[in-house]
Amino acid sequence: MRLDGGDCRCIQQLSELRRLTLQVPSGIVIHLIATDPAAPLDLPAWCHLTGHTYLGPMPAADRPTYTMQVSAGAAITDPDRPWRPTPAAP
């Protein structure tokens, strides 16, 4: 599965990635196209935070592309701030 983040800032890419991971089954590999210079740092950090598996960059891609695999039981992040886990319900 491919998500083209293009020239969007990393926050927008993470928001789209968050939405996509909630819609697909676990095990799906997502290829994120991202030219934002922060993507090589932010995507692995987000995967670590949520529990999804970061698979690394795709070296032969035409544009900067990073891969991750959707994991079952991953933590859900805040829709408006995808770098923050959703607070636990009281």
PDB file of N, CA and C in Angstrom:
ATOM      1  N   MET A   1       0.855  -1.159   0.000  1.00  0.00           N
ATOM      2  CA  MET A   1       0.000   0.000   0.000  1.00  0.00           C
ATOM      3  C   MET A   1       0.908   1.231   0.000  1.00  0.00           C
ATOM      4  N   ARG A   2       0.496   2.259  -0.689  1.00  0.00           N
ATOM      5  CA  ARG A   2       1.317   3.457  -0.825  1.00  0.00           C
ATOM      6  C   ARG A   2       0.565   4.681  -0.300  1.00  0.00           C
ATOM      7  N   LEU A   3       1.296   5.533   0.426  1.00  0.00           N
ATOM      8  CA  LEU A   3       0.767   6.812   0.882  1.00  0.00           C
ATOM      9  C   LEU A   3       1.733   7.883   0.402  1.00  0.00           C
ATOM     10  N   ASP A   4       1.260   8.746  -0.484  1.00  0.00           N
ATOM     11  CA  ASP A   4       2.113   9.785  -1.039  1.00  0.00           C
ATOM     12  C   ASP A   4       1.948  11.057  -0.225  1.00  0.00           C
ATOM     13  N   GLY A   5       2.916  11.298   0.649  1.00  0.00           N
ATOM     14  CA  GLY A   5       2.908  12.501   1.470  1.00  0.00           C
ATOM     15  C   GLY A   5       3.491  13.688   0.741  1.00  0.00           C
ATOM     16  N   GLY A   6       4.145  13.425  -0.388  1.00  0.00           N
ATOM     17  CA  GLY A   6       4.694  14.489  -1.219  1.00  0.00           C
ATOM     18  C   GLY A   6       5.505  15.491  -0.427  1.00  0.00           C
ATOM     19  N   ASP A   7       5.180  16.765  -0.614  1.00  0.00           N
ATOM     20  CA  ASP A   7       5.904  17.838   0.046  1.00  0.00           C
ATOM     21  C   ASP A   7       5.249  18.287   1.351  1.00  0.00           C
ATOM     22  N   CYS A   8       4.282  17.523   1.836  1.00  0.00           N
ATOM     23  CA  CYS A   8       3.604  17.894   3.084  1.00  0.00           C
ATOM     24  C   CYS A   8       4.579  17.855   4.252  1.00  0.00           C
ATOM     25  N   ARG A   9       4.294  18.685   5.234  1.00  0.00           N
ATOM     26  CA  ARG A   9       5.095  18.651   6.451  1.00  0.00           C
ATOM     27  C   ARG A   9       4.840  17.344   7.181  1.00  0.00           C
ATOM     28  N   CYS A  10       5.774  16.979   8.018  1.00  0.00           N
ATOM     29  CA  CYS A  10       5.708  15.690   8.690  1.00  0.00           C
ATOM     30  C   CYS A  10       4.438  15.525   9.529  1.00  0.00           C
ATOM     31  N   ILE A  11       3.969  16.584  10.165  1.00  0.00           N
ATOM     32  CA  ILE A  11       2.751  16.494  10.972  1.00  0.00           C
ATOM     33  C   ILE A  11       1.565  16.053  10.117  1.00  0.00           C
ATOM     34  N   GLN A  12       1.460  16.592   8.913  1.00  0.00           N
ATOM     35  CA  GLN A  12       0.369  16.205   8.011  1.00  0.00           C
ATOM     36  C   GLN A  12       0.530  14.750   7.566  1.00  0.00           C
ATOM     37  N   GLN A  13       1.764  14.345   7.312  1.00  0.00           N
ATOM     38  CA  GLN A  13       2.025  12.963   6.901  1.00  0.00           C
ATOM     39  C   GLN A  13       1.680  11.998   8.022  1.00  0.00           C
ATOM     40  N   LEU A  14       2.052  12.326   9.247  1.00  0.00           N
ATOM     41  CA  LEU A  14       1.729  11.455  10.375  1.00  0.00           C
ATOM     42  C   LEU A  14       0.222  11.374  10.597  1.00  0.00           C
ATOM     43  N   SER A  15      -0.487  12.472  10.392  1.00  0.00           N
ATOM     44  CA  SER A  15      -1.948  12.452  10.524  1.00  0.00           C
ATOM     45  C   SER A  15      -2.572  11.511   9.495  1.00  0.00           C
ATOM     46  N   GLU A  16      -2.102  11.595   8.255  1.00  0.00           N
ATOM     47  CA  GLU A  16      -2.610  10.705   7.200  1.00  0.00           C
ATOM     48  C   GLU A  16      -2.213   9.253   7.474  1.00  0.00           C
ATOM     49  N   LEU A  17      -1.002   9.056   7.931  1.00  0.00           N
ATOM     50  CA  LEU A  17      -0.536   7.706   8.242  1.00  0.00           C
ATOM     51  C   LEU A  17      -1.343   7.115   9.392  1.00  0.00           C
ATOM     52  N   ARG A  18      -1.618   7.915  10.397  1.00  0.00           N
ATOM     53  CA  ARG A  18      -2.437   7.472  11.523  1.00  0.00           C
ATOM     54  C   ARG A  18      -3.804   7.006  11.032  1.00  0.00           C
ATOM     55  N   ARG A  19      -4.430   7.836  10.191  1.00  0.00           N
ATOM     56  CA  ARG A  19      -5.750   7.506   9.659  1.00  0.00           C
ATOM     57  C   ARG A  19      -5.693   6.194   8.874  1.00  0.00           C
ATOM     58  N   LEU A  20      -4.681   6.052   8.049  1.00  0.00           N
ATOM     59  CA  LEU A  20      -4.567   4.849   7.216  1.00  0.00           C
ATOM     60  C   LEU A  20      -4.351   3.596   8.061  1.00  0.00           C
ATOM     61  N   THR A  21      -3.503   3.682   9.081  1.00  0.00           N
ATOM     62  CA  THR A  21      -3.242   2.498   9.898  1.00  0.00           C
ATOM     63  C   THR A  21      -4.477   2.025  10.652  1.00  0.00           C
ATOM     64  N   LEU A  22      -5.425   2.931  10.887  1.00  0.00           N
ATOM     65  CA  LEU A  22      -6.666   2.540  11.562  1.00  0.00           C
ATOM     66  C   LEU A  22      -7.647   1.866  10.607  1.00  0.00           C
ATOM     67  N   GLN A  23      -7.395   1.974   9.299  1.00  0.00           N
ATOM     68  CA  GLN A  23      -8.329   1.442   8.302  1.00  0.00           C
ATOM     69  C   GLN A  23      -7.892   0.120   7.683  1.00  0.00           C
ATOM     70  N   VAL A  24      -6.642  -0.252   7.852  1.00  0.00           N
ATOM     71  CA  VAL A  24      -6.136  -1.460   7.189  1.00  0.00           C
ATOM     72  C   VAL A  24      -5.830  -2.536   8.230  1.00  0.00           C
ATOM     73  N   PRO A  25      -5.827  -3.791   7.813  1.00  0.00           N
ATOM     74  CA  PRO A  25      -5.525  -4.866   8.767  1.00  0.00           C
ATOM     75  C   PRO A  25      -4.043  -4.904   9.129  1.00  0.00           C
ATOM     76  N   SER A  26      -3.757  -5.508  10.268  1.00  0.00           N
ATOM     77  CA  SER A  26      -2.359  -5.656  10.666  1.00  0.00           C
ATOM     78  C   SER A  26      -1.636  -6.523   9.641  1.00  0.00           C
ATOM     79  N   GLY A  27      -0.351  -6.280   9.515  1.00  0.00           N
ATOM     80  CA  GLY A  27       0.464  -7.016   8.557  1.00  0.00           C
ATOM     81  C   GLY A  27       0.660  -6.278   7.247  1.00  0.00           C
ATOM     82  N   ILE A  28      -0.203  -5.314   6.952  1.00  0.00           N
ATOM     83  CA  ILE A  28      -0.080  -4.536   5.713  1.00  0.00           C
ATOM     84  C   ILE A  28       1.195  -3.702   5.776  1.00  0.00           C
ATOM     85  N   VAL A  29       1.947  -3.680   4.684  1.00  0.00           N
ATOM     86  CA  VAL A  29       3.129  -2.841   4.580  1.00  0.00           C
ATOM     87  C   VAL A  29       2.731  -1.552   3.858  1.00  0.00           C
ATOM     88  N   ILE A  30       3.107  -0.423   4.457  1.00  0.00           N
ATOM     89  CA  ILE A  30       2.809   0.890   3.883  1.00  0.00           C
ATOM     90  C   ILE A  30       4.113   1.530   3.436  1.00  0.00           C
ATOM     91  N   HIS A  31       4.114   2.025   2.214  1.00  0.00           N
ATOM     92  CA  HIS A  31       5.252   2.762   1.665  1.00  0.00           C
ATOM     93  C   HIS A  31       4.864   4.237   1.697  1.00  0.00           C
ATOM     94  N   LEU A  32       5.551   5.014   2.532  1.00  0.00           N
ATOM     95  CA  LEU A  32       5.271   6.431   2.679  1.00  0.00           C
ATOM     96  C   LEU A  32       6.286   7.227   1.870  1.00  0.00           C
ATOM     97  N   ILE A  33       5.777   7.956   0.879  1.00  0.00           N
ATOM     98  CA  ILE A  33       6.622   8.853   0.093  1.00  0.00           C
ATOM     99  C   ILE A  33       6.632  10.186   0.819  1.00  0.00           C
ATOM    100  N   ALA A  34       7.825  10.649   1.200  1.00  0.00           N
ATOM    101  CA  ALA A  34       7.917  11.866   2.007  1.00  0.00           C
ATOM    102  C   ALA A  34       9.208  12.610   1.713  1.00  0.00           C
ATOM    103  N   THR A  35       9.077  13.844   1.252  1.00  0.00           N
ATOM    104  CA  THR A  35      10.261  14.649   0.986  1.00  0.00           C
ATOM    105  C   THR A  35      10.631  15.554   2.157  1.00  0.00           C
ATOM    106  N   ASP A  36       9.797  15.610   3.181  1.00  0.00           N
ATOM    107  CA  ASP A  36      10.108  16.417   4.360  1.00  0.00           C
ATOM    108  C   ASP A  36      11.418  15.902   4.966  1.00  0.00           C
ATOM    109  N   PRO A  37      12.387  16.787   5.213  1.00  0.00           N
ATOM    110  CA  PRO A  37      13.667  16.337   5.756  1.00  0.00           C
ATOM    111  C   PRO A  37      13.563  15.691   7.141  1.00  0.00           C
ATOM    112  N   ALA A  38      12.467  15.915   7.846  1.00  0.00           N
ATOM    113  CA  ALA A  38      12.292  15.311   9.166  1.00  0.00           C
ATOM    114  C   ALA A  38      11.775  13.875   9.096  1.00  0.00           C
ATOM    115  N   ALA A  39      11.271  13.452   7.965  1.00  0.00           N
ATOM    116  CA  ALA A  39      10.661  12.119   7.835  1.00  0.00           C
ATOM    117  C   ALA A  39      11.587  10.978   8.265  1.00  0.00           C
ATOM    118  N   PRO A  40      12.874  10.975   7.901  1.00  0.00           N
ATOM    119  CA  PRO A  40      13.725   9.856   8.314  1.00  0.00           C
ATOM    120  C   PRO A  40      13.889   9.737   9.831  1.00  0.00           C
ATOM    121  N   LEU A  41      13.594  10.803  10.548  1.00  0.00           N
ATOM    122  CA  LEU A  41      13.652  10.756  12.012  1.00  0.00           C
ATOM    123  C   LEU A  41      12.269  10.549  12.625  1.00  0.00           C
ATOM    124  N   ASP A  42      11.283  11.268  12.083  1.00  0.00           N
ATOM    125  CA  ASP A  42       9.943  11.236  12.663  1.00  0.00           C
ATOM    126  C   ASP A  42       9.222   9.911  12.459  1.00  0.00           C
ATOM    127  N   LEU A  43       9.357   9.309  11.297  1.00  0.00           N
ATOM    128  CA  LEU A  43       8.627   8.063  11.043  1.00  0.00           C
ATOM    129  C   LEU A  43       9.107   6.922  11.942  1.00  0.00           C
ATOM    130  N   PRO A  44      10.412   6.676  12.081  1.00  0.00           N
ATOM    131  CA  PRO A  44      10.825   5.620  13.014  1.00  0.00           C
ATOM    132  C   PRO A  44      10.402   5.918  14.455  1.00  0.00           C
ATOM    133  N   ALA A  45      10.465   7.193  14.853  1.00  0.00           N
ATOM    134  CA  ALA A  45      10.050   7.562  16.212  1.00  0.00           C
ATOM    135  C   ALA A  45       8.562   7.303  16.405  1.00  0.00           C
ATOM    136  N   TRP A  46       7.742   7.645  15.394  1.00  0.00           N
ATOM    137  CA  TRP A  46       6.308   7.423  15.498  1.00  0.00           C
ATOM    138  C   TRP A  46       6.005   5.930  15.566  1.00  0.00           C
ATOM    139  N   CYS A  47       6.703   5.143  14.764  1.00  0.00           N
ATOM    140  CA  CYS A  47       6.503   3.690  14.805  1.00  0.00           C
ATOM    141  C   CYS A  47       6.872   3.135  16.177  1.00  0.00           C
ATOM    142  N   HIS A  48       7.956   3.623  16.746  1.00  0.00           N
ATOM    143  CA  HIS A  48       8.363   3.181  18.084  1.00  0.00           C
ATOM    144  C   HIS A  48       7.300   3.557  19.122  1.00  0.00           C
ATOM    145  N   LEU A  49       6.777   4.759  19.020  1.00  0.00           N
ATOM    146  CA  LEU A  49       5.742   5.238  19.943  1.00  0.00           C
ATOM    147  C   LEU A  49       4.480   4.389  19.852  1.00  0.00           C
ATOM    148  N   THR A  50       4.066   4.058  18.648  1.00  0.00           N
ATOM    149  CA  THR A  50       2.789   3.373  18.454  1.00  0.00           C
ATOM    150  C   THR A  50       2.889   1.853  18.512  1.00  0.00           C
ATOM    151  N   GLY A  51       4.060   1.311  18.179  1.00  0.00           N
ATOM    152  CA  GLY A  51       4.203  -0.142  18.148  1.00  0.00           C
ATOM    153  C   GLY A  51       4.137  -0.726  16.756  1.00  0.00           C
ATOM    154  N   HIS A  52       3.995   0.124  15.739  1.00  0.00           N
ATOM    155  CA  HIS A  52       4.080  -0.361  14.368  1.00  0.00           C
ATOM    156  C   HIS A  52       5.545  -0.662  14.068  1.00  0.00           C
ATOM    157  N   THR A  53       5.807  -1.445  13.046  1.00  0.00           N
ATOM    158  CA  THR A  53       7.169  -1.860  12.731  1.00  0.00           C
ATOM    159  C   THR A  53       7.753  -0.994  11.622  1.00  0.00           C
ATOM    160  N   TYR A  54       8.818  -0.281  11.929  1.00  0.00           N
ATOM    161  CA  TYR A  54       9.513   0.522  10.923  1.00  0.00           C
ATOM    162  C   TYR A  54      10.459  -0.394  10.168  1.00  0.00           C
ATOM    163  N   LEU A  55      10.336  -0.430   8.846  1.00  0.00           N
ATOM    164  CA  LEU A  55      11.147  -1.316   8.012  1.00  0.00           C
ATOM    165  C   LEU A  55      12.289  -0.585   7.306  1.00  0.00           C
ATOM    166  N   GLY A  56      12.288   0.735   7.359  1.00  0.00           N
ATOM    167  CA  GLY A  56      13.393   1.505   6.805  1.00  0.00           C
ATOM    168  C   GLY A  56      13.098   2.132   5.459  1.00  0.00           C
ATOM    169  N   PRO A  57      14.110   2.833   4.942  1.00  0.00           N
ATOM    170  CA  PRO A  57      13.954   3.504   3.644  1.00  0.00           C
ATOM    171  C   PRO A  57      14.062   2.501   2.492  1.00  0.00           C
ATOM    172  N   MET A  58      13.477   2.879   1.372  1.00  0.00           N
ATOM    173  CA  MET A  58      13.592   2.078   0.141  1.00  0.00           C
ATOM    174  C   MET A  58      14.655   2.751  -0.728  1.00  0.00           C
ATOM    175  N   PRO A  59      15.864   2.204  -0.787  1.00  0.00           N
ATOM    176  CA  PRO A  59      16.960   2.878  -1.477  1.00  0.00           C
ATOM    177  C   PRO A  59      16.777   3.036  -2.986  1.00  0.00           C
ATOM    178  N   ALA A  60      16.039   2.173  -3.640  1.00  0.00           N
ATOM    179  CA  ALA A  60      15.900   2.238  -5.099  1.00  0.00           C
ATOM    180  C   ALA A  60      14.715   3.087  -5.560  1.00  0.00           C
ATOM    181  N   ALA A  61      14.030   3.731  -4.636  1.00  0.00           N
ATOM    182  CA  ALA A  61      12.845   4.521  -4.997  1.00  0.00           C
ATOM    183  C   ALA A  61      13.233   5.810  -5.713  1.00  0.00           C
ATOM    184  N   ASP A  62      12.327   6.280  -6.604  1.00  0.00           N
ATOM    185  CA  ASP A  62      12.552   7.541  -7.323  1.00  0.00           C
ATOM    186  C   ASP A  62      12.526   8.744  -6.378  1.00  0.00           C
ATOM    187  N   ARG A  63      11.633   8.692  -5.390  1.00  0.00           N
ATOM    188  CA  ARG A  63      11.513   9.758  -4.398  1.00  0.00           C
ATOM    189  C   ARG A  63      11.738   9.137  -3.023  1.00  0.00           C
ATOM    190  N   PRO A  64      12.092   9.939  -2.010  1.00  0.00           N
ATOM    191  CA  PRO A  64      12.307   9.368  -0.673  1.00  0.00           C
ATOM    192  C   PRO A  64      11.071   8.599  -0.200  1.00  0.00           C
ATOM    193  N   THR A  65      11.262   7.312   0.052  1.00  0.00           N
ATOM    194  CA  THR A  65      10.170   6.426   0.432  1.00  0.00           C
ATOM    195  C   THR A  65      10.607   5.590   1.628  1.00  0.00           C
ATOM    196  N   TYR A  66       9.729   5.498   2.608  1.00  0.00           N
ATOM    197  CA  TYR A  66      10.008   4.775   3.847  1.00  0.00           C
ATOM    198  C   TYR A  66       8.916   3.730   4.040  1.00  0.00           C
ATOM    199  N   THR A  67       9.284   2.588   4.599  1.00  0.00           N
ATOM    200  CA  THR A  67       8.312   1.511   4.757  1.00  0.00           C
ATOM    201  C   THR A  67       8.085   1.184   6.228  1.00  0.00           C
ATOM    202  N   MET A  68       6.856   0.810   6.504  1.00  0.00           N
ATOM    203  CA  MET A  68       6.468   0.365   7.838  1.00  0.00           C
ATOM    204  C   MET A  68       5.398  -0.698   7.696  1.00  0.00           C
ATOM    205  N   GLN A  69       5.273  -1.523   8.717  1.00  0.00           N
ATOM    206  CA  GLN A  69       4.247  -2.564   8.723  1.00  0.00           C
ATOM    207  C   GLN A  69       3.285  -2.289   9.862  1.00  0.00           C
ATOM    208  N   VAL A  70       2.005  -2.359   9.554  1.00  0.00           N
ATOM    209  CA  VAL A  70       0.960  -2.126  10.548  1.00  0.00           C
ATOM    210  C   VAL A  70       0.944  -3.307  11.522  1.00  0.00           C
ATOM    211  N   SER A  71       0.976  -2.997  12.811  1.00  0.00           N
ATOM    212  CA  SER A  71       1.018  -4.026  13.848  1.00  0.00           C
ATOM    213  C   SER A  71      -0.306  -4.102  14.593  1.00  0.00           C
ATOM    214  N   ALA A  72      -0.692  -5.316  14.918  1.00  0.00           N
ATOM    215  CA  ALA A  72      -1.889  -5.521  15.735  1.00  0.00           C
ATOM    216  C   ALA A  72      -1.637  -4.976  17.133  1.00  0.00           C
ATOM    217  N   GLY A  73      -2.625  -4.372  17.717  1.00  0.00           N
ATOM    218  CA  GLY A  73      -2.510  -3.870  19.079  1.00  0.00           C
ATOM    219  C   GLY A  73      -1.674  -2.610  19.219  1.00  0.00           C
ATOM    220  N   ALA A  74      -1.416  -1.924  18.120  1.00  0.00           N
ATOM    221  CA  ALA A  74      -0.622  -0.695  18.179  1.00  0.00           C
ATOM    222  C   ALA A  74      -1.362   0.378  18.974  1.00  0.00           C
ATOM    223  N   ALA A  75      -0.601   1.240  19.619  1.00  0.00           N
ATOM    224  CA  ALA A  75      -1.185   2.352  20.364  1.00  0.00           C
ATOM    225  C   ALA A  75      -1.796   3.350  19.394  1.00  0.00           C
ATOM    226  N   ILE A  76      -2.909   3.908  19.788  1.00  0.00           N
ATOM    227  CA  ILE A  76      -3.580   4.917  18.969  1.00  0.00           C
ATOM    228  C   ILE A  76      -3.139   6.287  19.454  1.00  0.00           C
ATOM    229  N   THR A  77      -2.843   7.147  18.508  1.00  0.00           N
ATOM    230  CA  THR A  77      -2.398   8.490  18.862  1.00  0.00           C
ATOM    231  C   THR A  77      -3.528   9.500  18.711  1.00  0.00           C
ATOM    232  N   ASP A  78      -3.302  10.663  19.280  1.00  0.00           N
ATOM    233  CA  ASP A  78      -4.265  11.753  19.231  1.00  0.00           C
ATOM    234  C   ASP A  78      -4.475  12.185  17.774  1.00  0.00           C
ATOM    235  N   PRO A  79      -5.714  12.310  17.308  1.00  0.00           N
ATOM    236  CA  PRO A  79      -5.958  12.686  15.917  1.00  0.00           C
ATOM    237  C   PRO A  79      -5.378  14.051  15.534  1.00  0.00           C
ATOM    238  N   ASP A  80      -5.364  14.989  16.476  1.00  0.00           N
ATOM    239  CA  ASP A  80      -4.853  16.324  16.186  1.00  0.00           C
ATOM    240  C   ASP A  80      -3.353  16.454  16.435  1.00  0.00           C
ATOM    241  N   ARG A  81      -2.813  15.567  17.239  1.00  0.00           N
ATOM    242  CA  ARG A  81      -1.378  15.562  17.555  1.00  0.00           C
ATOM    243  C   ARG A  81      -0.895  14.121  17.484  1.00  0.00           C
ATOM    244  N   PRO A  82      -0.641  13.617  16.267  1.00  0.00           N
ATOM    245  CA  PRO A  82      -0.349  12.189  16.105  1.00  0.00           C
ATOM    246  C   PRO A  82       0.956  11.743  16.743  1.00  0.00           C
ATOM    247  N   TRP A  83       1.726  12.649  17.283  1.00  0.00           N
ATOM    248  CA  TRP A  83       2.953  12.289  17.985  1.00  0.00           C
ATOM    249  C   TRP A  83       2.687  12.036  19.476  1.00  0.00           C
ATOM    250  N   ARG A  84       1.424  12.172  19.895  1.00  0.00           N
ATOM    251  CA  ARG A  84       1.050  11.937  21.288  1.00  0.00           C
ATOM    252  C   ARG A  84       0.062  10.778  21.385  1.00  0.00           C
ATOM    253  N   PRO A  85       0.287   9.857  22.322  1.00  0.00           N
ATOM    254  CA  PRO A  85      -0.695   8.779  22.522  1.00  0.00           C
ATOM    255  C   PRO A  85      -2.030   9.344  22.974  1.00  0.00           C
ATOM    256  N   THR A  86      -3.102   8.668  22.607  1.00  0.00           N
ATOM    257  CA  THR A  86      -4.431   9.061  23.080  1.00  0.00           C
ATOM    258  C   THR A  86      -4.492   8.765  24.577  1.00  0.00           C
ATOM    259  N   PRO A  87      -4.936   9.732  25.370  1.00  0.00           N
ATOM    260  CA  PRO A  87      -5.019   9.480  26.822  1.00  0.00           C
ATOM    261  C   PRO A  87      -5.967   8.320  27.130  1.00  0.00           C
ATOM    262  N   ALA A  88      -5.615   7.559  28.132  1.00  0.00           N
ATOM    263  CA  ALA A  88      -6.470   6.443  28.566  1.00  0.00           C
ATOM    264  C   ALA A  88      -7.768   6.997  29.134  1.00  0.00           C
ATOM    265  N   ALA A  89      -8.853   6.280  28.884  1.00  0.00           N
ATOM    266  CA  ALA A  89     -10.167   6.705  29.417  1.00  0.00           C
ATOM    267  C   ALA A  89     -10.160   6.537  30.934  1.00  0.00           C
ATOM    268  N   PRO A  90     -10.815   7.452  31.657  1.00  0.00           N
ATOM    269  CA  PRO A  90     -10.834   7.348  33.139  1.00  0.00           C
ATOM    270  C   PRO A  90     -11.659   6.179  33.611  1.00  0.00           C
TER     271      PRO A  90
END
